[in-house]
Amino acid sequence: MDKKFFTHSGQQQQGPFSIEELKNQTIQKSDMVWCEGMDKWQAAGEIDELKPLFPVEPPPLQNAVPPPLVITSKNETGVKPPLTADEKKRRKKLFIYIGAGAGALLLLALSIILVAALSGNKNKDVVTTQDMNAKFDSLKAITLKASQDPNGQKIGAVDDKNMTPEQKEEALKLTYKKNWKSYISARANYSSGPAGGITNATVTLSNNMPYPLEQVTIWLNYIRIDGSTYKSEKIVFYNVPANRNETKPAPWSDKGKTVNTRISKITSKSLGFSYSDI
């Protein structure tokens, strides 16, 4: 007669389930289980009959030899072919963008030097690294507002001579708000079998902003081999510090080949930012 197991997540008891039925449950190695004949509750990963539910991933291969790098820049005759018209056009645009970037960096450097000089005239105390970093962050708003013409015709920057530090900070915050997708992202990590099924799933949230996030809601979509969605699971992160990556475990699934992520909600009080796609 098959054993029947009760499960307990720390808040709720469920069961009894057979081992086959447990395959359809979201059970972790750390979840406590009990069946008739056991003296006490035990972690699922410690019970021999349940170990097949938690596949073991092999460690990464050590000292692996990378494949040789092959560089081919010439044709069979050994003579470098001439550039096409499209290649010449792309190179011209690349040189324009490089020049624009160098100009923006030069503007930023000159602004930092100017602020440091003005601060030295008003206050004879030594400027600390923290003070310089604060000035650098406020001035980044001016550089980020530099406009780049896609056709490479004209590149300029907004004049910041009459902006107060508070206005510069607000300009920087506005830039982060408009471009939050460049700084906040979610990535799913998992294993998938040949016939489908998602195991060892985790989701990593990256906050590359200099502002903490109070809450971020992420939806995981488990996609079948035919491209349809099998199910969706919600993961919520709370109090994510600035410039920090955080990872949480995600539910495994008996079906699905890939896992897609979608950020549906963000709140940040210090940035004054609230986003929702609902």
C-alpha atoms as a PDB file:
ATOM      1  CA  MET A   1       0.000   0.000   0.000  1.00  0.00           C
ATOM      2  CA  ASP A   2       1.434   3.392  -1.035  1.00  0.00           C
ATOM      3  CA  LYS A   3       2.449   5.757   1.708  1.00  0.00           C
ATOM      4  CA  LYS A   4       0.372   8.895   2.214  1.00  0.00           C
ATOM      5  CA  PHE A   5       2.234  12.034   3.228  1.00  0.00           C
ATOM      6  CA  PHE A   6       1.012  15.158   5.001  1.00  0.00           C
ATOM      7  CA  THR A   7       2.824  18.431   4.192  1.00  0.00           C
ATOM      8  CA  HIS A   8       3.268  21.551   6.292  1.00  0.00           C
ATOM      9  CA  SER A   9       4.625  24.849   4.924  1.00  0.00           C
ATOM     10  CA  GLY A  10       4.976  26.372   8.407  1.00  0.00           C
ATOM     11  CA  GLN A  11       1.563  28.004   8.203  1.00  0.00           C
ATOM     12  CA  GLN A  12      -0.826  25.377   6.806  1.00  0.00           C
ATOM     13  CA  GLN A  13      -1.091  21.564   6.836  1.00  0.00           C
ATOM     14  CA  GLN A  14      -2.229  19.730   3.697  1.00  0.00           C
ATOM     15  CA  GLY A  15      -2.713  16.101   2.634  1.00  0.00           C
ATOM     16  CA  PRO A  16      -2.569  13.252   2.676  1.00  0.00           C
ATOM     17  CA  PHE A  17      -0.831  12.873  -0.725  1.00  0.00           C
ATOM     18  CA  SER A  18       0.737   9.920  -2.462  1.00  0.00           C
ATOM     19  CA  ILE A  19       4.209  10.356  -3.957  1.00  0.00           C
ATOM     20  CA  GLU A  20       2.642  10.686  -7.418  1.00  0.00           C
ATOM     21  CA  GLU A  21       0.298  13.379  -6.111  1.00  0.00           C
ATOM     22  CA  LEU A  22       3.208  15.227  -4.501  1.00  0.00           C
ATOM     23  CA  LYS A  23       4.730  15.672  -7.966  1.00  0.00           C
ATOM     24  CA  ASN A  24       1.856  18.045  -8.758  1.00  0.00           C
ATOM     25  CA  GLN A  25       2.371  20.047  -5.536  1.00  0.00           C
ATOM     26  CA  THR A  26       4.741  22.958  -5.072  1.00  0.00           C
ATOM     27  CA  ILE A  27       6.999  21.322  -2.492  1.00  0.00           C
ATOM     28  CA  GLN A  28      10.470  22.422  -1.447  1.00  0.00           C
ATOM     29  CA  LYS A  29      13.238  20.393   0.181  1.00  0.00           C
ATOM     30  CA  SER A  30      12.772  22.407   3.380  1.00  0.00           C
ATOM     31  CA  ASP A  31       9.006  21.722   3.648  1.00  0.00           C
ATOM     32  CA  MET A  32       8.107  19.474   6.593  1.00  0.00           C
ATOM     33  CA  VAL A  33       6.310  16.171   5.844  1.00  0.00           C
ATOM     34  CA  TRP A  34       4.951  13.263   7.912  1.00  0.00           C
ATOM     35  CA  CYS A  35       3.410   9.871   7.194  1.00  0.00           C
ATOM     36  CA  GLU A  36       2.213   6.922   9.234  1.00  0.00           C
ATOM     37  CA  GLY A  37       5.134   5.172  10.890  1.00  0.00           C
ATOM     38  CA  MET A  38       7.303   8.310  11.303  1.00  0.00           C
ATOM     39  CA  ASP A  39       8.150   9.482  14.836  1.00  0.00           C
ATOM     40  CA  LYS A  40       8.192  13.146  13.925  1.00  0.00           C
ATOM     41  CA  TRP A  41       7.931  15.647  11.085  1.00  0.00           C
ATOM     42  CA  GLN A  42      10.991  15.750   8.777  1.00  0.00           C
ATOM     43  CA  ALA A  43      12.198  17.919   5.924  1.00  0.00           C
ATOM     44  CA  ALA A  44      11.114  16.501   2.528  1.00  0.00           C
ATOM     45  CA  GLY A  45      14.683  16.469   1.239  1.00  0.00           C
ATOM     46  CA  GLU A  46      15.765  14.095   4.039  1.00  0.00           C
ATOM     47  CA  ILE A  47      13.269  11.312   3.175  1.00  0.00           C
ATOM     48  CA  ASP A  48      14.571   8.686   0.742  1.00  0.00           C
ATOM     49  CA  GLU A  49      11.214   8.092  -0.971  1.00  0.00           C
ATOM     50  CA  LEU A  50      10.876  11.824  -1.774  1.00  0.00           C
ATOM     51  CA  LYS A  51      14.450  12.513  -2.942  1.00  0.00           C
ATOM     52  CA  PRO A  52      13.541  11.740  -6.623  1.00  0.00           C
ATOM     53  CA  LEU A  53      11.268  14.818  -6.487  1.00  0.00           C
ATOM     54  CA  PHE A  54      14.357  17.055  -6.155  1.00  0.00           C
ATOM     55  CA  PRO A  55      16.740  16.433  -9.096  1.00  0.00           C
ATOM     56  CA  VAL A  56      20.403  17.051  -8.325  1.00  0.00           C
ATOM     57  CA  GLU A  57      22.282  19.356 -10.690  1.00  0.00           C
ATOM     58  CA  PRO A  58      25.934  18.425 -11.451  1.00  0.00           C
ATOM     59  CA  PRO A  59      28.601  20.973 -10.432  1.00  0.00           C
ATOM     60  CA  PRO A  60      30.182  23.149 -13.140  1.00  0.00           C
ATOM     61  CA  LEU A  61      33.150  21.625 -14.976  1.00  0.00           C
ATOM     62  CA  GLN A  62      36.399  22.909 -13.516  1.00  0.00           C
ATOM     63  CA  ASN A  63      39.379  23.996 -15.629  1.00  0.00           C
ATOM     64  CA  ALA A  64      37.376  23.751 -18.846  1.00  0.00           C
ATOM     65  CA  VAL A  65      39.465  24.697 -21.887  1.00  0.00           C
ATOM     66  CA  PRO A  66      37.754  27.442 -23.955  1.00  0.00           C
ATOM     67  CA  PRO A  67      37.550  26.915 -27.708  1.00  0.00           C
ATOM     68  CA  PRO A  68      40.260  28.624 -29.729  1.00  0.00           C
ATOM     69  CA  LEU A  69      39.456  32.117 -30.972  1.00  0.00           C
ATOM     70  CA  VAL A  70      39.325  32.282 -34.748  1.00  0.00           C
ATOM     71  CA  ILE A  71      39.606  35.704 -36.361  1.00  0.00           C
ATOM     72  CA  THR A  72      38.955  36.025 -40.057  1.00  0.00           C
ATOM     73  CA  SER A  73      39.351  39.499 -41.444  1.00  0.00           C
ATOM     74  CA  LYS A  74      40.651  38.693 -44.938  1.00  0.00           C
ATOM     75  CA  ASN A  75      39.349  36.765 -47.895  1.00  0.00           C
ATOM     76  CA  GLU A  76      40.969  33.639 -49.360  1.00  0.00           C
ATOM     77  CA  THR A  77      43.461  35.699 -51.363  1.00  0.00           C
ATOM     78  CA  GLY A  78      44.796  37.292 -48.177  1.00  0.00           C
ATOM     79  CA  VAL A  79      43.645  40.757 -49.286  1.00  0.00           C
ATOM     80  CA  LYS A  80      41.214  42.684 -47.101  1.00  0.00           C
ATOM     81  CA  PRO A  81      38.029  43.297 -49.160  1.00  0.00           C
ATOM     82  CA  PRO A  82      36.895  46.903 -49.695  1.00  0.00           C
ATOM     83  CA  LEU A  83      34.151  48.351 -47.503  1.00  0.00           C
ATOM     84  CA  THR A  84      30.634  48.395 -48.874  1.00  0.00           C
ATOM     85  CA  ALA A  85      28.528  51.564 -48.927  1.00  0.00           C
ATOM     86  CA  ASP A  86      26.483  50.357 -45.916  1.00  0.00           C
ATOM     87  CA  GLU A  87      29.658  49.553 -43.947  1.00  0.00           C
ATOM     88  CA  LYS A  88      31.079  53.000 -44.679  1.00  0.00           C
ATOM     89  CA  LYS A  89      27.811  54.578 -43.528  1.00  0.00           C
ATOM     90  CA  ARG A  90      27.788  52.550 -40.299  1.00  0.00           C
ATOM     91  CA  ARG A  91      31.422  53.478 -39.563  1.00  0.00           C
ATOM     92  CA  LYS A  92      30.662  57.141 -40.122  1.00  0.00           C
ATOM     93  CA  LYS A  93      27.768  56.992 -37.651  1.00  0.00           C
ATOM     94  CA  LEU A  94      29.961  55.106 -35.161  1.00  0.00           C
ATOM     95  CA  PHE A  95      32.622  57.831 -35.292  1.00  0.00           C
ATOM     96  CA  ILE A  96      29.905  60.470 -34.741  1.00  0.00           C
ATOM     97  CA  TYR A  97      28.532  58.645 -31.684  1.00  0.00           C
ATOM     98  CA  ILE A  98      32.036  58.149 -30.252  1.00  0.00           C
ATOM     99  CA  GLY A  99      32.723  61.852 -30.662  1.00  0.00           C
ATOM    100  CA  ALA A 100      29.412  62.698 -28.998  1.00  0.00           C
ATOM    101  CA  GLY A 101      30.210  60.452 -26.044  1.00  0.00           C
ATOM    102  CA  ALA A 102      33.659  61.991 -25.647  1.00  0.00           C
ATOM    103  CA  GLY A 103      32.122  65.464 -25.744  1.00  0.00           C
ATOM    104  CA  ALA A 104      29.586  64.553 -23.061  1.00  0.00           C
ATOM    105  CA  LEU A 105      32.331  63.148 -20.810  1.00  0.00           C
ATOM    106  CA  LEU A 106      34.400  66.298 -21.301  1.00  0.00           C
ATOM    107  CA  LEU A 107      31.380  68.460 -20.376  1.00  0.00           C
ATOM    108  CA  LEU A 108      30.850  66.376 -17.231  1.00  0.00           C
ATOM    109  CA  ALA A 109      34.520  66.675 -16.219  1.00  0.00           C
ATOM    110  CA  LEU A 110      34.516  70.448 -16.720  1.00  0.00           C
ATOM    111  CA  SER A 111      31.294  70.764 -14.686  1.00  0.00           C
ATOM    112  CA  ILE A 112      32.817  68.803 -11.790  1.00  0.00           C
ATOM    113  CA  ILE A 113      35.948  70.982 -11.832  1.00  0.00           C
ATOM    114  CA  LEU A 114      33.812  74.139 -11.882  1.00  0.00           C
ATOM    115  CA  VAL A 115      31.680  73.011  -8.931  1.00  0.00           C
ATOM    116  CA  ALA A 116      34.778  72.022  -6.953  1.00  0.00           C
ATOM    117  CA  ALA A 117      36.363  75.434  -7.610  1.00  0.00           C
ATOM    118  CA  LEU A 118      33.225  77.329  -6.567  1.00  0.00           C
ATOM    119  CA  SER A 119      32.897  75.213  -3.425  1.00  0.00           C
ATOM    120  CA  GLY A 120      36.527  75.928  -2.541  1.00  0.00           C
ATOM    121  CA  ASN A 121      35.955  79.679  -2.752  1.00  0.00           C
ATOM    122  CA  LYS A 122      32.914  79.561  -0.465  1.00  0.00           C
ATOM    123  CA  ASN A 123      34.234  77.053   2.043  1.00  0.00           C
ATOM    124  CA  LYS A 124      37.894  76.457   2.850  1.00  0.00           C
ATOM    125  CA  ASP A 125      37.195  73.025   4.369  1.00  0.00           C
ATOM    126  CA  VAL A 126      38.432  69.959   2.479  1.00  0.00           C
ATOM    127  CA  VAL A 127      35.796  68.520   0.133  1.00  0.00           C
ATOM    128  CA  THR A 128      35.113  64.891   1.076  1.00  0.00           C
ATOM    129  CA  THR A 129      34.643  62.022  -1.362  1.00  0.00           C
ATOM    130  CA  GLN A 130      30.995  61.798  -0.309  1.00  0.00           C
ATOM    131  CA  ASP A 131      30.455  65.485  -1.208  1.00  0.00           C
ATOM    132  CA  MET A 132      32.081  64.979  -4.608  1.00  0.00           C
ATOM    133  CA  ASN A 133      29.934  61.913  -5.265  1.00  0.00           C
ATOM    134  CA  ALA A 134      26.807  63.924  -4.433  1.00  0.00           C
ATOM    135  CA  LYS A 135      27.860  66.657  -6.878  1.00  0.00           C
ATOM    136  CA  PHE A 136      28.697  64.033  -9.487  1.00  0.00           C
ATOM    137  CA  ASP A 137      25.228  62.446  -9.142  1.00  0.00           C
ATOM    138  CA  SER A 138      23.461  65.792  -9.482  1.00  0.00           C
ATOM    139  CA  LEU A 139      25.493  66.718 -12.550  1.00  0.00           C
ATOM    140  CA  LYS A 140      24.763  63.407 -14.267  1.00  0.00           C
ATOM    141  CA  ALA A 141      21.278  64.767 -14.999  1.00  0.00           C
ATOM    142  CA  ILE A 142      22.785  67.350 -17.321  1.00  0.00           C
ATOM    143  CA  THR A 143      24.864  64.771 -19.196  1.00  0.00           C
ATOM    144  CA  LEU A 144      21.917  62.361 -19.485  1.00  0.00           C
ATOM    145  CA  LYS A 145      19.882  65.142 -21.107  1.00  0.00           C
ATOM    146  CA  ALA A 146      22.428  65.465 -23.909  1.00  0.00           C
ATOM    147  CA  SER A 147      20.554  64.925 -27.167  1.00  0.00           C
ATOM    148  CA  GLN A 148      21.868  62.635 -29.892  1.00  0.00           C
ATOM    149  CA  ASP A 149      20.442  62.991 -33.367  1.00  0.00           C
ATOM    150  CA  PRO A 150      20.010  59.473 -34.899  1.00  0.00           C
ATOM    151  CA  ASN A 151      21.203  60.883 -38.217  1.00  0.00           C
ATOM    152  CA  GLY A 152      24.310  62.337 -36.631  1.00  0.00           C
ATOM    153  CA  GLN A 153      23.463  65.906 -37.612  1.00  0.00           C
ATOM    154  CA  LYS A 154      23.663  67.832 -34.328  1.00  0.00           C
ATOM    155  CA  ILE A 155      24.498  66.949 -30.750  1.00  0.00           C
ATOM    156  CA  GLY A 156      24.133  69.328 -27.819  1.00  0.00           C
ATOM    157  CA  ALA A 157      23.383  69.551 -24.083  1.00  0.00           C
ATOM    158  CA  VAL A 158      21.026  71.629 -21.952  1.00  0.00           C
ATOM    159  CA  ASP A 159      22.641  74.644 -20.286  1.00  0.00           C
ATOM    160  CA  ASP A 160      22.651  74.072 -16.492  1.00  0.00           C
ATOM    161  CA  LYS A 161      24.149  77.407 -15.383  1.00  0.00           C
ATOM    162  CA  ASN A 162      20.902  78.644 -13.839  1.00  0.00           C
ATOM    163  CA  MET A 163      19.825  75.305 -12.267  1.00  0.00           C
ATOM    164  CA  THR A 164      19.863  74.929  -8.486  1.00  0.00           C
ATOM    165  CA  PRO A 165      21.085  71.667  -6.865  1.00  0.00           C
ATOM    166  CA  GLU A 166      17.447  70.783  -6.142  1.00  0.00           C
ATOM    167  CA  GLN A 167      16.525  71.269  -9.813  1.00  0.00           C
ATOM    168  CA  LYS A 168      19.458  69.116 -10.897  1.00  0.00           C
ATOM    169  CA  GLU A 169      18.380  66.352  -8.499  1.00  0.00           C
ATOM    170  CA  GLU A 170      14.805  66.490  -9.825  1.00  0.00           C
ATOM    171  CA  ALA A 171      16.124  66.323 -13.404  1.00  0.00           C
ATOM    172  CA  LEU A 172      18.157  63.230 -12.496  1.00  0.00           C
ATOM    173  CA  LYS A 173      15.131  61.566 -10.857  1.00  0.00           C
ATOM    174  CA  LEU A 174      13.013  62.326 -13.913  1.00  0.00           C
ATOM    175  CA  THR A 175      15.621  60.650 -16.115  1.00  0.00           C
ATOM    176  CA  TYR A 176      15.548  57.484 -13.954  1.00  0.00           C
ATOM    177  CA  LYS A 177      11.742  57.411 -14.004  1.00  0.00           C
ATOM    178  CA  LYS A 178      11.525  57.709 -17.791  1.00  0.00           C
ATOM    179  CA  ASN A 179      14.212  55.059 -18.348  1.00  0.00           C
ATOM    180  CA  TRP A 180      13.481  52.682 -15.446  1.00  0.00           C
ATOM    181  CA  LYS A 181      13.599  49.623 -17.748  1.00  0.00           C
ATOM    182  CA  SER A 182      17.317  50.292 -18.251  1.00  0.00           C
ATOM    183  CA  TYR A 183      17.947  50.078 -14.484  1.00  0.00           C
ATOM    184  CA  ILE A 184      15.373  47.571 -13.121  1.00  0.00           C
ATOM    185  CA  SER A 185      15.123  44.061 -14.592  1.00  0.00           C
ATOM    186  CA  ALA A 186      14.066  40.508 -13.678  1.00  0.00           C
ATOM    187  CA  ARG A 187      15.630  37.253 -14.869  1.00  0.00           C
ATOM    188  CA  ALA A 188      14.408  33.668 -14.388  1.00  0.00           C
ATOM    189  CA  ASN A 189      16.937  30.863 -13.845  1.00  0.00           C
ATOM    190  CA  TYR A 190      15.785  27.241 -14.133  1.00  0.00           C
ATOM    191  CA  SER A 191      16.375  23.751 -15.502  1.00  0.00           C
ATOM    192  CA  SER A 192      14.168  22.179 -18.180  1.00  0.00           C
ATOM    193  CA  GLY A 193      13.935  18.524 -19.213  1.00  0.00           C
ATOM    194  CA  PRO A 194      13.747  17.260 -22.842  1.00  0.00           C
ATOM    195  CA  ALA A 195      10.011  16.590 -22.496  1.00  0.00           C
ATOM    196  CA  GLY A 196       9.314  19.788 -20.543  1.00  0.00           C
ATOM    197  CA  GLY A 197       9.000  20.537 -16.860  1.00  0.00           C
ATOM    198  CA  ILE A 198      10.655  23.342 -14.891  1.00  0.00           C
ATOM    199  CA  THR A 199      12.888  22.552 -11.886  1.00  0.00           C
ATOM    200  CA  ASN A 200      15.410  24.424  -9.714  1.00  0.00           C
ATOM    201  CA  ALA A 201      13.663  27.678 -10.601  1.00  0.00           C
ATOM    202  CA  THR A 202      14.688  31.058  -9.154  1.00  0.00           C
ATOM    203  CA  VAL A 203      14.041  34.679 -10.138  1.00  0.00           C
ATOM    204  CA  THR A 204      16.638  37.459  -9.745  1.00  0.00           C
ATOM    205  CA  LEU A 205      15.675  41.134  -9.437  1.00  0.00           C
ATOM    206  CA  SER A 206      18.352  43.705 -10.365  1.00  0.00           C
ATOM    207  CA  ASN A 207      18.018  47.255  -8.995  1.00  0.00           C
ATOM    208  CA  ASN A 208      20.735  49.359 -10.633  1.00  0.00           C
ATOM    209  CA  MET A 209      19.268  52.662  -9.427  1.00  0.00           C
ATOM    210  CA  PRO A 210      20.821  54.710  -6.592  1.00  0.00           C
ATOM    211  CA  TYR A 211      17.400  54.583  -4.900  1.00  0.00           C
ATOM    212  CA  PRO A 212      15.836  51.727  -2.856  1.00  0.00           C
ATOM    213  CA  LEU A 213      12.634  50.016  -3.991  1.00  0.00           C
ATOM    214  CA  GLU A 214       9.875  49.357  -1.440  1.00  0.00           C
ATOM    215  CA  GLN A 215       8.050  46.764  -3.571  1.00  0.00           C
ATOM    216  CA  VAL A 216       8.482  45.037  -6.937  1.00  0.00           C
ATOM    217  CA  THR A 217       5.922  42.518  -8.250  1.00  0.00           C
ATOM    218  CA  ILE A 218       7.066  40.039 -10.917  1.00  0.00           C
ATOM    219  CA  TRP A 219       4.940  37.566 -12.886  1.00  0.00           C
ATOM    220  CA  LEU A 220       6.535  34.333 -14.126  1.00  0.00           C
ATOM    221  CA  ASN A 221       4.904  32.814 -17.213  1.00  0.00           C
ATOM    222  CA  TYR A 222       5.608  29.100 -17.759  1.00  0.00           C
ATOM    223  CA  ILE A 223       5.601  28.556 -21.546  1.00  0.00           C
ATOM    224  CA  ARG A 224       4.894  25.177 -23.190  1.00  0.00           C
ATOM    225  CA  ILE A 225       6.879  23.843 -26.141  1.00  0.00           C
ATOM    226  CA  ASP A 226       4.104  24.999 -28.526  1.00  0.00           C
ATOM    227  CA  GLY A 227       4.411  28.592 -27.214  1.00  0.00           C
ATOM    228  CA  SER A 228       1.228  28.654 -25.134  1.00  0.00           C
ATOM    229  CA  THR A 229       1.225  29.668 -21.467  1.00  0.00           C
ATOM    230  CA  TYR A 230       0.770  26.761 -19.049  1.00  0.00           C
ATOM    231  CA  LYS A 231       0.480  28.856 -15.874  1.00  0.00           C
ATOM    232  CA  SER A 232       1.593  32.127 -14.252  1.00  0.00           C
ATOM    233  CA  GLU A 233       3.090  32.631 -10.776  1.00  0.00           C
ATOM    234  CA  LYS A 234       3.538  35.905  -8.830  1.00  0.00           C
ATOM    235  CA  ILE A 235       6.742  36.725  -6.907  1.00  0.00           C
ATOM    236  CA  VAL A 236       6.961  39.899  -4.751  1.00  0.00           C
ATOM    237  CA  PHE A 237      10.195  41.525  -3.569  1.00  0.00           C
ATOM    238  CA  TYR A 238      10.144  43.967  -0.627  1.00  0.00           C
ATOM    239  CA  ASN A 239      12.669  46.640   0.455  1.00  0.00           C
ATOM    240  CA  VAL A 240      15.323  46.091  -2.224  1.00  0.00           C
ATOM    241  CA  PRO A 241      18.368  48.343  -1.503  1.00  0.00           C
ATOM    242  CA  ALA A 242      19.902  50.620  -4.120  1.00  0.00           C
ATOM    243  CA  ASN A 243      22.362  49.018  -6.553  1.00  0.00           C
ATOM    244  CA  ARG A 244      21.565  45.496  -5.340  1.00  0.00           C
ATOM    245  CA  ASN A 245      20.551  42.147  -6.881  1.00  0.00           C
ATOM    246  CA  GLU A 246      18.232  39.845  -4.919  1.00  0.00           C
ATOM    247  CA  THR A 247      17.120  36.275  -5.718  1.00  0.00           C
ATOM    248  CA  LYS A 248      14.072  34.292  -4.594  1.00  0.00           C
ATOM    249  CA  PRO A 249      13.025  30.667  -5.256  1.00  0.00           C
ATOM    250  CA  ALA A 250      10.258  30.161  -7.805  1.00  0.00           C
ATOM    251  CA  PRO A 251       7.658  27.354  -8.028  1.00  0.00           C
ATOM    252  CA  TRP A 252       8.619  24.338 -10.156  1.00  0.00           C
ATOM    253  CA  SER A 253       6.253  22.920 -12.761  1.00  0.00           C
ATOM    254  CA  ASP A 254       5.631  19.509 -14.331  1.00  0.00           C
ATOM    255  CA  LYS A 255       4.997  21.252 -17.674  1.00  0.00           C
ATOM    256  CA  GLY A 256       6.628  24.076 -19.570  1.00  0.00           C
ATOM    257  CA  LYS A 257       9.847  24.543 -21.519  1.00  0.00           C
ATOM    258  CA  THR A 258      10.783  28.165 -20.780  1.00  0.00           C
ATOM    259  CA  VAL A 259       9.944  30.811 -18.170  1.00  0.00           C
ATOM    260  CA  ASN A 260       9.328  34.470 -19.088  1.00  0.00           C
ATOM    261  CA  THR A 261       9.334  37.339 -16.584  1.00  0.00           C
ATOM    262  CA  ARG A 262       7.219  40.509 -16.493  1.00  0.00           C
ATOM    263  CA  ILE A 263       7.511  43.361 -13.969  1.00  0.00           C
ATOM    264  CA  SER A 264       3.970  44.525 -13.188  1.00  0.00           C
ATOM    265  CA  LYS A 265       4.464  46.894 -10.235  1.00  0.00           C
ATOM    266  CA  ILE A 266       7.228  49.105  -8.754  1.00  0.00           C
ATOM    267  CA  THR A 267       7.139  51.573  -5.865  1.00  0.00           C
ATOM    268  CA  SER A 268      10.004  53.781  -4.654  1.00  0.00           C
ATOM    269  CA  LYS A 269       9.304  56.526  -2.115  1.00  0.00           C
ATOM    270  CA  SER A 270      12.762  58.131  -2.249  1.00  0.00           C
ATOM    271  CA  LEU A 271      12.564  58.362  -6.054  1.00  0.00           C
ATOM    272  CA  GLY A 272       8.897  59.390  -5.958  1.00  0.00           C
ATOM    273  CA  PHE A 273       8.132  56.638  -8.463  1.00  0.00           C
ATOM    274  CA  SER A 274       5.115  54.344  -8.766  1.00  0.00           C
ATOM    275  CA  TYR A 275       4.552  52.034 -11.751  1.00  0.00           C
ATOM    276  CA  SER A 276       1.784  49.529 -12.498  1.00  0.00           C
ATOM    277  CA  ASP A 277       0.759  47.882 -15.758  1.00  0.00           C
ATOM    278  CA  ILE A 278      -2.688  46.975 -14.420  1.00  0.00           C
END
